[in-house]
Amino acid sequence: MTQLYIDSKEVKLPDEFELELITENPYFTRVGSYTYEIDIDLRDPINRDIYRNINRADVTQRIQNRKAVLISGASITISGIEVILSIDSYMAKIQIVAGNSQLNYEGGESSIRTVRFDRVSYMPENAIETLKGAYPQYDVTYPPVISFIDKDGNSSILNNVEVGEDIAFLRINNIGPQYYLLYYLENLLQKLGFTKGINELKDNPTWCRIFVVNPYKDVSPEELLPDWTINEFIEKVEMFFKCIITIDRTNGVYNIVNMDRYFENSSIIYIDDIVDDDIEKVYDTETSYSYAYDNVSYNLPSDNYYNYLKLKEGVREVCTIETKDKYSDFKSDYEKYYAGPYLLTSADFNLEYVVSDYAVTGSEENVKGLKIVDRLKDAGELSNQNKTSFDIIPAEVDGISIYSTTGSRYLIGPAVKRVRAGAESQAINDLINGSTDVEGDIPDKIYIGLYYGICEALNRGPNEHPGEYWDKMPMSSYDRYFMSTPSSATSSQSILTMPDYTLVLDGENGLFNQVYKDKREIDTTVEYHFRFIAQKIFDTNSIFLIRNKKYYCKEIHYKISSKGMDKIAEGIFYLAE
């Protein structure tokens, strides 16, 4: 016997009916469970009460997102939400979507900026404590952020601190939370009605330190995001973190799973009763499964700052590469390297530099010094067209000075830089003529930083120090290496090395080698179709053993009638060996 409940009320189903239930594996399709059309007779008084005369022309209220549960026999077949497809005279056609299909439906075309994320705000004394941890211990952090540059080039710092015996904000009325990207993801899934399960990403110390840069002291979390749809946001976050969000079709519990470990603990399902003797094979299927990471890149803006961090095509080819033991060894030839096409490499840090001009504060003169380049270059097999480009990108980083009361000196370290939009004119003529921004400060990408913690800074005091924060300050960046600007007197520079967290893609410790390089290879060009006896609905993320061969499951189709679930199901599989 099959029963349908809408918001806990039983619907009167036809005496004879048949529908199809499809369960798909989100690893391959990003889809979950759903039914095809279910016909509801609106002339039945029970159904008329549930559907509120929706077939009448004068009823314009739309019914949305009601809980739908289909029970076949003694078990729940699918539990999700009802989607009304059409109303024709006295017949309503509905569909049930659950799991990842429900997630896709809930996301739809709605903008991520319309989601009312839960705001997080701490009193100053508690906000300081967030600097001593990361996600999930805290949903936000409060490191210094360069948030405004005045006409003279002076920086304004949000969350500015003073260090020494202790650490404290300089202005308690000028602090703003930096929301962790994982908080955005989990809060969104809960806002969409799903229940928290496992989040494997919280075990990655780099992922737990990524925050969305916020230059405002009072702003809603969604206002820091681009005008993407909810589904676009989820897809781009999954792509960046190399993860898959899976949602259970019966209880709505979400799990955020590392893609590499998706099948790691899968149970084995033995399929013994194959209905047809012959296996149907479908060749050259166009299946775009998971994501391609053979070649990874950041989709960076085309401006001077990022042009140094990712050299344009052709620049490297015309340069002379010169290598020395230490970066300071280049200083005697700055004029030569500045005038010609030179890329410089030092063995001490294995970094690349160019000689550039730096403005001297309070003077019209410039001083020459080194600038680290090409740290955000593409990684992987660069000739491979199978490329993934991230719209979640590192924000700009600049140096800041933090005063140490114990050392009576300024410490130098990195801070993310996201200059907030200035006040726009609201004069009606400016609005009409287009000389002001009507939309406001809507980013085109998600700009992120890495919170490194409270680390030893440059210009630090002696090893014997009386205060815990004598030579330390909270730091954020995208790279563990930070080079100070040259001093106006001696042109000397220093390189600070921070903990080994990075958003750099290339290199031995870059994200390509550490995260994206290794991926389970599955041949999806050949699909194997089986019809088999199924006594229950199987989990598609299992390993299926069919005729002594292991298969990954793409999808399974089940027939449901008024009498219950048909014993014969049809599945589409990929060979696992």
Protein backbone atom coordinates (compact mmCIF):
# COMPACT_ATOMS: atom_id res chain seq x y z
CA MET A 1 0.00 0.00 0.00
CA THR A 2 1.26 3.49 -0.88
CA GLN A 3 0.33 6.62 1.07
CA LEU A 4 1.07 10.29 0.46
CA TYR A 5 1.13 12.91 3.21
CA ILE A 6 1.23 16.67 2.58
CA ASP A 7 2.01 18.66 5.73
CA SER A 8 1.03 15.55 7.75
CA LYS A 9 -2.39 15.27 6.05
CA GLU A 10 -3.03 12.13 4.02
CA VAL A 11 -3.91 12.70 0.37
CA LYS A 12 -6.49 10.49 -1.28
CA LEU A 13 -4.64 8.78 -4.12
CA PRO A 14 -6.36 7.00 -7.05
CA ASP A 15 -7.23 3.36 -6.52
CA GLU A 16 -4.90 2.46 -9.38
CA PHE A 17 -1.82 4.52 -10.21
CA GLU A 18 1.85 4.16 -11.03
CA LEU A 19 4.66 6.65 -10.65
CA GLU A 20 8.41 6.60 -11.02
CA LEU A 21 10.92 7.41 -8.31
CA ILE A 22 14.45 8.33 -9.38
CA THR A 23 17.40 8.44 -7.01
CA GLU A 24 20.55 10.00 -8.46
CA ASN A 25 24.07 10.13 -7.11
CA PRO A 26 25.12 13.77 -6.52
CA TYR A 27 28.74 12.80 -7.16
CA PHE A 28 27.89 12.42 -10.84
CA THR A 29 24.80 14.55 -11.41
CA ARG A 30 24.47 17.04 -8.52
CA VAL A 31 20.88 15.76 -8.27
CA GLY A 32 19.20 13.70 -5.56
CA SER A 33 15.77 12.03 -5.35
CA TYR A 34 12.54 12.99 -7.09
CA THR A 35 9.33 11.54 -8.44
CA TYR A 36 7.69 12.03 -11.78
CA GLU A 37 4.12 13.31 -11.91
CA ILE A 38 1.57 12.30 -9.29
CA ASP A 39 -2.07 12.98 -10.16
CA ILE A 40 -4.31 14.38 -7.40
CA ASP A 41 -8.10 14.41 -7.92
CA LEU A 42 -9.33 17.76 -6.56
CA ARG A 43 -12.98 16.64 -6.62
CA ASP A 44 -12.33 14.45 -3.62
CA PRO A 45 -13.34 16.40 -0.47
CA ILE A 46 -10.20 15.31 1.39
CA ASN A 47 -7.96 16.57 -1.39
CA ARG A 48 -10.05 19.72 -1.86
CA ASP A 49 -9.40 20.57 1.79
CA ILE A 50 -5.64 20.03 1.42
CA TYR A 51 -5.36 21.97 -1.86
CA ARG A 52 -7.75 24.80 -0.88
CA ASN A 53 -9.69 24.97 -4.17
CA ILE A 54 -6.48 25.79 -6.03
CA ASN A 55 -8.20 24.90 -9.32
CA ARG A 56 -10.63 27.85 -9.09
CA ALA A 57 -9.83 30.85 -11.25
CA ASP A 58 -10.33 33.32 -8.39
CA VAL A 59 -7.73 31.55 -6.20
CA THR A 60 -4.39 33.22 -6.93
CA GLN A 61 -2.41 32.24 -3.84
CA ARG A 62 0.42 29.88 -4.74
CA ILE A 63 1.12 26.85 -2.57
CA GLN A 64 4.83 26.31 -2.03
CA ASN A 65 7.33 24.25 -0.05
CA ARG A 66 4.95 21.99 1.79
CA LYS A 67 6.35 18.88 3.42
CA ALA A 68 5.66 15.77 1.31
CA VAL A 69 6.18 12.19 2.47
CA LEU A 70 5.53 9.13 0.32
CA ILE A 71 5.27 5.86 2.22
CA SER A 72 5.35 2.51 0.48
CA GLY A 73 4.67 -0.46 2.68
CA ALA A 74 6.25 0.12 6.09
CA SER A 75 9.06 2.43 4.97
CA ILE A 76 9.45 6.01 3.82
CA THR A 77 10.13 6.05 0.09
CA ILE A 78 10.89 9.75 -0.18
CA SER A 79 10.54 12.71 2.18
CA GLY A 80 10.96 16.19 0.77
CA ILE A 81 8.81 19.02 -0.51
CA GLU A 82 5.84 19.14 -2.84
CA VAL A 83 6.17 20.92 -6.19
CA ILE A 84 2.86 21.70 -7.94
CA LEU A 85 3.52 21.33 -11.66
CA SER A 86 0.11 22.19 -13.10
CA ILE A 87 -3.61 22.46 -12.43
CA ASP A 88 -5.94 21.18 -15.13
CA SER A 89 -9.66 21.40 -14.35
CA TYR A 90 -10.06 19.06 -11.40
CA MET A 91 -6.63 17.44 -11.58
CA ALA A 92 -3.43 18.64 -9.88
CA LYS A 93 -0.12 17.27 -11.04
CA ILE A 94 2.57 17.34 -8.37
CA GLN A 95 6.12 16.17 -7.92
CA ILE A 96 8.14 15.37 -4.80
CA VAL A 97 11.75 16.49 -4.65
CA ALA A 98 14.10 15.46 -1.84
CA GLY A 99 17.78 15.40 -0.94
CA ASN A 100 19.96 17.24 -3.43
CA SER A 101 17.00 17.72 -5.77
CA GLN A 102 15.30 19.67 -3.00
CA LEU A 103 18.47 21.69 -2.51
CA ASN A 104 18.52 22.54 -6.24
CA TYR A 105 14.85 23.49 -6.16
CA GLU A 106 15.17 25.63 -3.04
CA GLY A 107 18.16 27.40 -4.59
CA GLY A 108 16.44 27.97 -7.91
CA GLU A 109 17.00 31.40 -9.40
CA SER A 110 16.91 33.25 -6.08
CA SER A 111 19.90 35.51 -5.44
CA ILE A 112 22.23 34.55 -2.61
CA ARG A 113 21.99 38.19 -1.55
CA THR A 114 18.31 37.67 -0.67
CA VAL A 115 19.16 35.04 1.97
CA ARG A 116 18.97 36.47 5.47
CA PHE A 117 22.08 34.92 6.96
CA ASP A 118 22.32 35.00 10.74
CA ARG A 119 24.38 38.00 11.76
CA VAL A 120 27.15 37.40 14.28
CA SER A 121 28.37 40.23 16.48
CA TYR A 122 30.57 40.15 19.57
CA MET A 123 31.29 42.67 22.26
CA PRO A 124 34.91 43.91 21.95
CA GLU A 125 36.24 41.72 24.77
CA ASN A 126 34.73 38.62 23.14
CA ALA A 127 35.70 39.70 19.63
CA ILE A 128 39.35 39.74 20.73
CA GLU A 129 38.99 36.10 21.79
CA THR A 130 38.08 35.10 18.21
CA LEU A 131 41.64 36.03 17.20
CA LYS A 132 42.84 33.02 19.18
CA GLY A 133 40.86 30.43 17.22
CA ALA A 134 39.27 29.58 13.87
CA TYR A 135 36.15 27.91 12.46
CA PRO A 136 34.18 26.04 13.82
CA GLN A 137 35.23 27.34 17.25
CA TYR A 138 34.12 30.75 16.02
CA ASP A 139 31.82 31.70 13.15
CA VAL A 140 33.69 34.98 12.62
CA THR A 141 37.04 36.54 13.33
CA TYR A 142 38.20 40.15 13.90
CA PRO A 143 41.68 40.67 12.39
CA PRO A 144 42.77 44.12 11.17
CA VAL A 145 41.42 44.93 7.69
CA ILE A 146 42.49 47.85 5.51
CA SER A 147 39.09 49.30 4.72
CA PHE A 148 39.61 52.81 3.35
CA ILE A 149 42.30 54.90 1.66
CA ASP A 150 42.06 58.70 1.86
CA LYS A 151 43.15 61.17 -0.83
CA ASP A 152 46.66 61.35 0.67
CA GLY A 153 47.09 57.59 0.52
CA ASN A 154 46.65 57.01 4.26
CA SER A 155 44.99 53.74 5.31
CA SER A 156 42.05 53.37 7.62
CA ILE A 157 42.02 50.06 9.49
CA LEU A 158 38.94 48.24 10.71
CA ASN A 159 39.60 46.08 13.80
CA ASN A 160 42.84 47.95 14.53
CA VAL A 161 44.60 46.65 17.64
CA GLU A 162 47.34 47.51 20.07
CA VAL A 163 49.60 44.82 21.51
CA GLY A 164 52.01 44.37 24.41
CA GLU A 165 51.14 42.81 27.75
CA ASP A 166 47.71 42.09 26.21
CA ILE A 167 45.86 42.72 22.98
CA ALA A 168 42.97 45.15 22.58
CA PHE A 169 41.12 47.16 19.94
CA LEU A 170 42.17 50.77 19.57
CA ARG A 171 38.60 51.88 18.83
CA ILE A 172 35.87 49.62 20.15
CA ASN A 173 33.30 51.38 17.97
CA ASN A 174 35.23 50.54 14.77
CA ILE A 175 35.18 46.75 14.64
CA GLY A 176 33.44 44.45 12.21
CA PRO A 177 33.20 40.65 11.95
CA GLN A 178 34.89 38.72 9.15
CA TYR A 179 32.59 35.78 8.39
CA TYR A 180 34.23 32.44 7.69
CA LEU A 181 33.28 31.01 4.30
CA LEU A 182 32.36 27.67 5.90
CA TYR A 183 29.94 29.55 8.16
CA TYR A 184 28.22 30.97 5.08
CA LEU A 185 27.86 27.49 3.61
CA GLU A 186 26.50 25.82 6.73
CA ASN A 187 24.22 28.70 7.67
CA LEU A 188 22.78 28.69 4.14
CA LEU A 189 21.98 24.97 4.24
CA GLN A 190 20.25 25.40 7.57
CA LYS A 191 18.31 28.41 6.27
CA LEU A 192 17.07 26.19 3.43
CA GLY A 193 15.63 23.81 6.01
CA PHE A 194 18.25 21.07 6.18
CA THR A 195 19.72 19.55 9.33
CA LYS A 196 23.43 19.61 10.10
CA GLY A 197 25.34 16.37 9.74
CA ILE A 198 29.04 15.83 9.06
CA ASN A 199 31.30 18.56 7.73
CA GLU A 200 34.62 17.02 6.69
CA LEU A 201 36.01 20.40 5.62
CA LYS A 202 36.40 21.51 9.22
CA ASP A 203 39.29 19.04 9.49
CA ASN A 204 41.29 21.07 6.96
CA PRO A 205 43.17 23.85 8.83
CA THR A 206 43.38 26.02 5.72
CA TRP A 207 39.68 25.83 4.86
CA CYS A 208 38.80 26.70 8.47
CA ARG A 209 40.75 29.97 8.24
CA ILE A 210 39.22 31.36 5.05
CA PHE A 211 36.97 34.36 5.62
CA VAL A 212 35.00 36.66 3.33
CA VAL A 213 36.62 40.09 3.58
CA ASN A 214 34.33 42.69 5.15
CA PRO A 215 35.47 46.34 5.19
CA TYR A 216 32.29 47.53 6.91
CA LYS A 217 31.67 47.68 10.64
CA ASP A 218 27.92 47.26 10.28
CA VAL A 219 26.67 45.19 7.35
CA SER A 220 24.60 42.05 6.82
CA PRO A 221 26.61 38.98 5.72
CA GLU A 222 24.74 38.61 2.42
CA GLU A 223 25.74 42.12 1.35
CA LEU A 224 29.36 40.96 1.02
CA LEU A 225 28.44 38.41 -1.65
CA PRO A 226 28.08 38.74 -5.45
CA ASP A 227 24.68 38.68 -7.11
CA TRP A 228 24.85 34.94 -7.81
CA THR A 229 21.94 32.56 -7.53
CA ILE A 230 21.93 30.29 -4.50
CA ASN A 231 22.73 27.34 -6.76
CA GLU A 232 25.65 29.22 -8.34
CA PHE A 233 27.00 30.03 -4.89
CA ILE A 234 26.79 26.39 -3.80
CA GLU A 235 28.39 25.16 -7.03
CA LYS A 236 31.29 27.62 -6.82
CA VAL A 237 31.92 26.81 -3.15
CA GLU A 238 31.83 23.06 -3.83
CA MET A 239 34.24 23.55 -6.72
CA PHE A 240 36.65 25.64 -4.63
CA PHE A 241 36.64 23.36 -1.59
CA LYS A 242 36.63 20.20 -3.76
CA CYS A 243 33.66 18.84 -1.88
CA ILE A 244 30.18 17.48 -2.42
CA ILE A 245 27.12 18.39 -0.38
CA THR A 246 24.88 15.36 0.07
CA ILE A 247 21.40 15.52 1.56
CA ASP A 248 19.53 12.47 2.81
CA ARG A 249 16.29 11.84 0.89
CA THR A 250 14.34 10.78 3.99
CA ASN A 251 15.50 13.00 6.88
CA GLY A 252 17.01 16.09 5.22
CA VAL A 253 20.38 15.77 6.97
CA TYR A 254 23.21 17.39 5.01
CA ASN A 255 26.81 16.19 4.91
CA ILE A 256 29.70 18.14 3.40
CA VAL A 257 32.04 15.47 2.08
CA ASN A 258 35.56 15.70 0.72
CA MET A 259 35.30 14.56 -2.91
CA ASP A 260 38.35 12.33 -2.56
CA ARG A 261 36.72 10.40 0.27
CA TYR A 262 33.20 10.22 -1.14
CA PHE A 263 33.33 6.46 -1.78
CA GLU A 264 35.92 5.73 0.91
CA ASN A 265 33.57 4.18 3.48
CA SER A 266 30.85 3.05 1.09
CA SER A 267 29.00 -0.12 1.94
CA ILE A 268 28.90 -3.03 -0.53
CA ILE A 269 25.52 -3.89 -2.03
CA TYR A 270 25.29 -7.29 -3.65
CA ILE A 271 22.95 -7.46 -6.64
CA ASP A 272 22.35 -11.14 -7.34
CA ASP A 273 19.09 -11.21 -9.26
CA ILE A 274 19.60 -9.65 -12.69
CA VAL A 275 16.38 -9.72 -14.75
CA ASP A 276 17.87 -9.57 -18.24
CA ASP A 277 20.65 -11.85 -19.42
CA ASP A 278 22.26 -9.21 -21.60
CA ILE A 279 23.91 -6.10 -20.21
CA GLU A 280 22.99 -2.93 -22.03
CA LYS A 281 25.98 -0.66 -22.65
CA VAL A 282 25.71 2.95 -23.75
CA TYR A 283 28.91 4.42 -25.18
CA ASP A 284 30.26 7.97 -25.42
CA THR A 285 27.79 9.44 -22.98
CA GLU A 286 28.06 13.16 -22.31
CA THR A 287 28.38 13.09 -18.55
CA SER A 288 29.96 16.02 -16.76
CA TYR A 289 30.68 14.47 -13.41
CA SER A 290 32.15 16.26 -10.42
CA TYR A 291 34.76 18.86 -11.39
CA ALA A 292 37.92 18.92 -13.50
CA TYR A 293 41.12 19.90 -11.72
CA ASP A 294 43.79 19.15 -14.32
CA ASN A 295 44.37 22.89 -14.69
CA VAL A 296 43.28 25.32 -11.97
CA SER A 297 43.33 29.11 -11.87
CA TYR A 298 41.90 32.17 -10.16
CA ASN A 299 39.65 34.41 -12.24
CA LEU A 300 41.49 37.55 -11.11
CA PRO A 301 40.62 41.17 -11.94
CA SER A 302 42.71 42.92 -14.58
CA ASP A 303 44.35 45.62 -12.50
CA ASN A 304 47.89 46.49 -11.49
CA TYR A 305 47.82 44.68 -8.15
CA TYR A 306 46.81 41.32 -9.60
CA ASN A 307 48.93 41.77 -12.74
CA TYR A 308 52.01 41.34 -10.53
CA LEU A 309 50.55 38.29 -8.78
CA LYS A 310 49.68 36.54 -12.04
CA LEU A 311 51.92 37.55 -14.91
CA LYS A 312 50.21 37.99 -18.22
CA GLU A 313 50.85 35.46 -20.96
CA GLY A 314 54.10 36.19 -22.76
CA VAL A 315 55.76 38.26 -20.01
CA ARG A 316 57.86 35.42 -18.64
CA GLU A 317 59.01 34.36 -22.10
CA VAL A 318 60.72 37.69 -22.83
CA CYS A 319 62.41 37.97 -19.42
CA THR A 320 65.94 37.07 -18.41
CA ILE A 321 65.87 34.84 -15.31
CA GLU A 322 68.58 35.63 -12.79
CA THR A 323 69.15 33.63 -9.61
CA LYS A 324 71.08 34.46 -6.43
CA ASP A 325 71.43 32.79 -3.06
CA LYS A 326 69.65 35.54 -1.11
CA TYR A 327 67.07 38.10 -2.14
CA SER A 328 69.24 40.85 -0.61
CA ASP A 329 72.00 40.01 -3.12
CA PHE A 330 70.03 41.73 -5.89
CA LYS A 331 70.18 45.15 -4.23
CA SER A 332 73.43 46.32 -5.82
CA ASP A 333 71.95 45.99 -9.33
CA TYR A 334 68.47 47.45 -8.83
CA GLU A 335 68.87 49.99 -11.64
CA LYS A 336 69.84 47.25 -14.11
CA TYR A 337 66.96 44.98 -13.14
CA TYR A 338 64.49 47.87 -13.15
CA ALA A 339 65.44 48.99 -16.67
CA GLY A 340 65.40 45.57 -18.33
CA PRO A 341 63.06 42.58 -18.50
CA TYR A 342 64.41 40.61 -15.54
CA LEU A 343 62.72 38.03 -13.35
CA LEU A 344 64.72 37.39 -10.20
CA THR A 345 64.80 34.23 -8.11
CA SER A 346 66.45 33.67 -4.73
CA ALA A 347 67.31 30.26 -3.34
CA ASP A 348 66.67 31.28 0.28
CA PHE A 349 62.89 31.52 -0.14
CA ASN A 350 62.43 30.12 -3.66
CA LEU A 351 60.40 33.20 -4.59
CA GLU A 352 60.35 35.30 -7.74
CA TYR A 353 60.69 39.10 -7.75
CA VAL A 354 60.89 42.15 -9.94
CA VAL A 355 62.42 45.51 -9.06
CA SER A 356 59.70 48.14 -8.74
CA ASP A 357 59.14 51.69 -7.56
CA TYR A 358 57.72 52.36 -4.08
CA ALA A 359 56.34 55.71 -2.99
CA VAL A 360 57.98 57.27 0.07
CA THR A 361 55.46 58.51 2.62
CA GLY A 362 55.52 62.30 2.95
CA SER A 363 57.78 62.75 -0.06
CA GLU A 364 57.47 63.03 -3.83
CA GLU A 365 60.44 60.70 -4.23
CA ASN A 366 60.27 57.01 -4.96
CA VAL A 367 62.59 54.28 -3.76
CA LYS A 368 63.33 51.06 -5.61
CA GLY A 369 62.81 47.67 -4.06
CA LEU A 370 61.76 44.09 -4.71
CA LYS A 371 58.19 42.96 -5.27
CA ILE A 372 57.15 39.29 -5.08
CA VAL A 373 55.47 38.23 -8.33
CA ASP A 374 53.48 35.39 -9.91
CA ARG A 375 52.35 33.86 -6.61
CA LEU A 376 48.77 33.38 -7.88
CA LYS A 377 49.69 31.84 -11.23
CA ASP A 378 47.79 28.89 -12.66
CA ALA A 379 48.76 25.38 -11.63
CA GLY A 380 48.58 21.87 -13.03
CA GLU A 381 48.85 20.74 -16.63
CA LEU A 382 48.65 24.20 -18.16
CA SER A 383 48.20 22.88 -21.71
CA ASN A 384 45.19 20.83 -20.63
CA GLN A 385 41.86 22.35 -21.69
CA ASN A 386 40.12 20.58 -18.81
CA LYS A 387 40.32 23.70 -16.65
CA THR A 388 38.65 24.95 -13.49
CA SER A 389 38.69 28.68 -12.78
CA PHE A 390 37.68 29.94 -9.33
CA ASP A 391 35.51 33.02 -8.76
CA ILE A 392 36.40 32.82 -5.07
CA ILE A 393 39.68 34.73 -5.08
CA PRO A 394 42.28 36.12 -2.66
CA ALA A 395 41.71 39.74 -1.67
CA GLU A 396 44.49 42.30 -1.88
CA VAL A 397 47.05 42.35 0.94
CA ASP A 398 49.14 45.26 2.22
CA GLY A 399 51.40 45.96 5.16
CA ILE A 400 50.14 47.62 8.35
CA SER A 401 51.82 48.94 11.50
CA ILE A 402 50.62 47.78 14.91
CA TYR A 403 51.91 49.52 18.03
CA SER A 404 53.48 47.44 20.80
CA THR A 405 53.18 49.24 24.13
CA THR A 406 55.64 46.87 25.81
CA GLY A 407 58.27 47.26 23.12
CA SER A 408 57.52 50.95 22.45
CA ARG A 409 57.82 50.23 18.75
CA TYR A 410 55.67 49.50 15.71
CA LEU A 411 55.33 45.96 14.40
CA ILE A 412 54.91 45.35 10.67
CA GLY A 413 52.76 42.59 9.20
CA PRO A 414 50.19 41.81 6.49
CA ALA A 415 46.47 42.57 6.45
CA VAL A 416 43.83 41.97 3.79
CA LYS A 417 42.70 45.06 1.93
CA ARG A 418 39.17 45.61 0.67
CA VAL A 419 38.44 49.30 0.24
CA ARG A 420 34.80 50.01 0.92
CA ALA A 421 32.74 52.05 -1.49
CA GLY A 422 32.70 55.76 -0.79
CA ALA A 423 29.50 57.64 -0.15
CA GLU A 424 27.73 58.11 -3.48
CA SER A 425 25.78 61.21 -4.43
CA GLN A 426 22.04 60.82 -3.99
CA ALA A 427 21.19 64.01 -5.89
CA ILE A 428 18.37 63.24 -8.30
CA ASN A 429 20.20 64.64 -11.34
CA ASP A 430 23.26 62.50 -10.62
CA LEU A 431 21.07 59.42 -10.33
CA ILE A 432 19.32 60.18 -13.62
CA ASN A 433 22.51 60.99 -15.52
CA GLY A 434 24.33 57.91 -14.26
CA SER A 435 27.14 59.67 -12.42
CA THR A 436 26.45 57.72 -9.24
CA ASP A 437 26.13 54.03 -8.40
CA VAL A 438 22.46 53.14 -7.90
CA GLU A 439 23.11 49.48 -7.10
CA GLY A 440 25.66 50.05 -4.36
CA ASP A 441 28.81 48.10 -3.58
CA ILE A 442 28.02 44.67 -5.05
CA PRO A 443 31.19 42.60 -5.62
CA ASP A 444 31.62 40.56 -8.78
CA LYS A 445 33.46 37.78 -6.94
CA ILE A 446 33.92 36.51 -3.41
CA TYR A 447 37.06 38.12 -2.00
CA ILE A 448 38.65 36.02 0.72
CA GLY A 449 41.52 36.17 3.17
CA LEU A 450 43.32 33.61 5.31
CA TYR A 451 43.50 34.32 9.02
CA TYR A 452 46.96 33.21 10.17
CA GLY A 453 46.48 33.86 13.87
CA ILE A 454 48.55 36.02 16.21
CA CYS A 455 52.05 35.64 14.78
CA GLU A 456 55.51 37.08 15.31
CA ALA A 457 55.86 40.26 13.25
CA LEU A 458 58.66 42.23 11.62
CA ASN A 459 60.49 44.91 13.67
CA ARG A 460 60.03 42.73 16.69
CA GLY A 461 61.83 43.14 19.98
CA PRO A 462 64.42 40.91 21.68
CA ASN A 463 63.75 37.29 22.57
CA GLU A 464 63.39 38.14 26.25
CA HIS A 465 60.09 39.98 26.40
CA PRO A 466 57.78 40.70 29.34
CA GLY A 467 54.48 40.64 27.47
CA GLU A 468 52.76 37.80 25.62
CA TYR A 469 52.14 40.03 22.60
CA TRP A 470 55.44 41.99 22.76
CA ASP A 471 56.33 41.09 19.16
CA LYS A 472 53.11 39.47 17.87
CA MET A 473 50.08 40.75 15.99
CA PRO A 474 47.02 39.23 14.28
CA MET A 475 47.68 38.69 10.58
CA SER A 476 45.69 37.88 7.45
CA SER A 477 46.88 37.29 3.91
CA TYR A 478 46.68 34.74 1.07
CA ASP A 479 50.32 33.62 1.28
CA ARG A 480 52.68 32.65 4.08
CA TYR A 481 55.37 35.00 2.70
CA PHE A 482 55.09 38.74 3.25
CA MET A 483 57.70 41.27 2.04
CA SER A 484 57.88 44.68 3.69
CA THR A 485 58.15 47.85 1.64
CA PRO A 486 61.69 49.25 1.37
CA SER A 487 62.72 51.78 3.99
CA SER A 488 63.26 55.30 2.69
CA ALA A 489 66.73 55.52 4.27
CA THR A 490 68.42 52.25 3.33
CA SER A 491 65.99 50.61 0.86
CA SER A 492 66.28 47.47 3.01
CA GLN A 493 63.43 44.96 3.01
CA SER A 494 62.50 41.94 5.11
CA ILE A 495 60.52 38.78 4.37
CA LEU A 496 58.20 37.46 7.05
CA THR A 497 57.36 33.74 7.08
CA MET A 498 54.03 32.79 8.65
CA PRO A 499 52.39 29.39 9.32
CA ASP A 500 52.10 27.13 6.29
CA TYR A 501 48.54 27.97 5.22
CA THR A 502 48.19 29.24 1.68
CA LEU A 503 45.80 30.14 -1.12
CA VAL A 504 48.66 29.90 -3.64
CA LEU A 505 47.83 27.31 -6.30
CA ASP A 506 51.25 26.39 -7.66
CA GLY A 507 54.30 24.94 -5.93
CA GLU A 508 55.01 21.92 -3.77
CA ASN A 509 52.84 23.22 -0.92
CA GLY A 510 50.30 24.95 -3.16
CA LEU A 511 46.64 23.99 -3.29
CA PHE A 512 47.02 22.11 -6.56
CA ASN A 513 49.46 19.58 -5.09
CA GLN A 514 47.83 19.50 -1.66
CA VAL A 515 44.16 19.43 -2.70
CA TYR A 516 43.25 19.41 -6.37
CA LYS A 517 45.85 17.17 -8.01
CA ASP A 518 44.67 13.74 -6.93
CA LYS A 519 41.17 12.81 -7.96
CA ARG A 520 39.36 9.51 -8.36
CA GLU A 521 39.32 8.63 -12.05
CA ILE A 522 36.05 7.07 -13.19
CA ASP A 523 35.30 6.21 -16.79
CA THR A 524 31.90 7.79 -17.42
CA THR A 525 32.02 7.31 -21.19
CA VAL A 526 30.45 3.86 -20.87
CA GLU A 527 27.19 3.39 -18.96
CA TYR A 528 26.03 -0.05 -17.83
CA HIS A 529 22.26 -0.52 -17.57
CA PHE A 530 20.90 -3.33 -15.37
CA ARG A 531 17.37 -4.38 -14.45
CA PHE A 532 17.41 -6.22 -11.14
CA ILE A 533 15.33 -7.31 -8.15
CA ALA A 534 15.26 -4.65 -5.41
CA GLN A 535 13.54 -5.25 -2.10
CA LYS A 536 14.27 -1.69 -0.92
CA ILE A 537 15.61 1.67 -2.08
CA PHE A 538 19.40 1.66 -2.12
CA ASP A 539 21.87 4.37 -1.26
CA THR A 540 23.44 5.45 -4.53
CA ASN A 541 26.79 6.24 -2.87
CA SER A 542 27.32 2.52 -2.21
CA ILE A 543 29.57 0.20 -4.20
CA PHE A 544 27.42 -2.28 -6.16
CA LEU A 545 28.76 -5.78 -6.75
CA ILE A 546 27.09 -7.15 -9.88
CA ARG A 547 28.23 -10.43 -11.41
CA ASN A 548 31.51 -10.26 -9.48
CA LYS A 549 32.35 -6.77 -10.72
CA LYS A 550 32.23 -3.54 -8.76
CA TYR A 551 30.26 -0.56 -10.04
CA TYR A 552 29.57 3.02 -9.04
CA CYS A 553 25.92 3.96 -9.28
CA LYS A 554 24.80 6.98 -11.29
CA GLU A 555 21.03 6.57 -10.79
CA ILE A 556 18.28 4.04 -10.08
CA HIS A 557 14.65 4.12 -11.25
CA TYR A 558 11.89 2.53 -9.16
CA LYS A 559 8.22 1.95 -10.00
CA ILE A 560 5.71 2.80 -7.27
CA SER A 561 2.05 1.77 -7.57
CA SER A 562 -0.97 1.84 -5.31
CA LYS A 563 0.08 -1.61 -4.08
CA GLY A 564 3.61 -0.57 -3.15
CA MET A 565 7.06 -0.64 -4.74
CA ASP A 566 7.63 -2.84 -7.76
CA LYS A 567 10.38 -5.39 -7.14
CA ILE A 568 12.12 -4.67 -10.44
CA ALA A 569 14.33 -1.59 -10.58
CA GLU A 570 16.60 -0.26 -13.29
CA GLY A 571 19.99 1.27 -12.61
CA ILE A 572 22.73 3.04 -14.52
CA PHE A 573 26.27 2.27 -13.38
CA TYR A 574 29.94 2.94 -14.14
CA LEU A 575 32.59 0.26 -13.85
CA ALA A 576 34.71 0.71 -10.71
CA GLU A 577 37.60 -1.51 -11.70
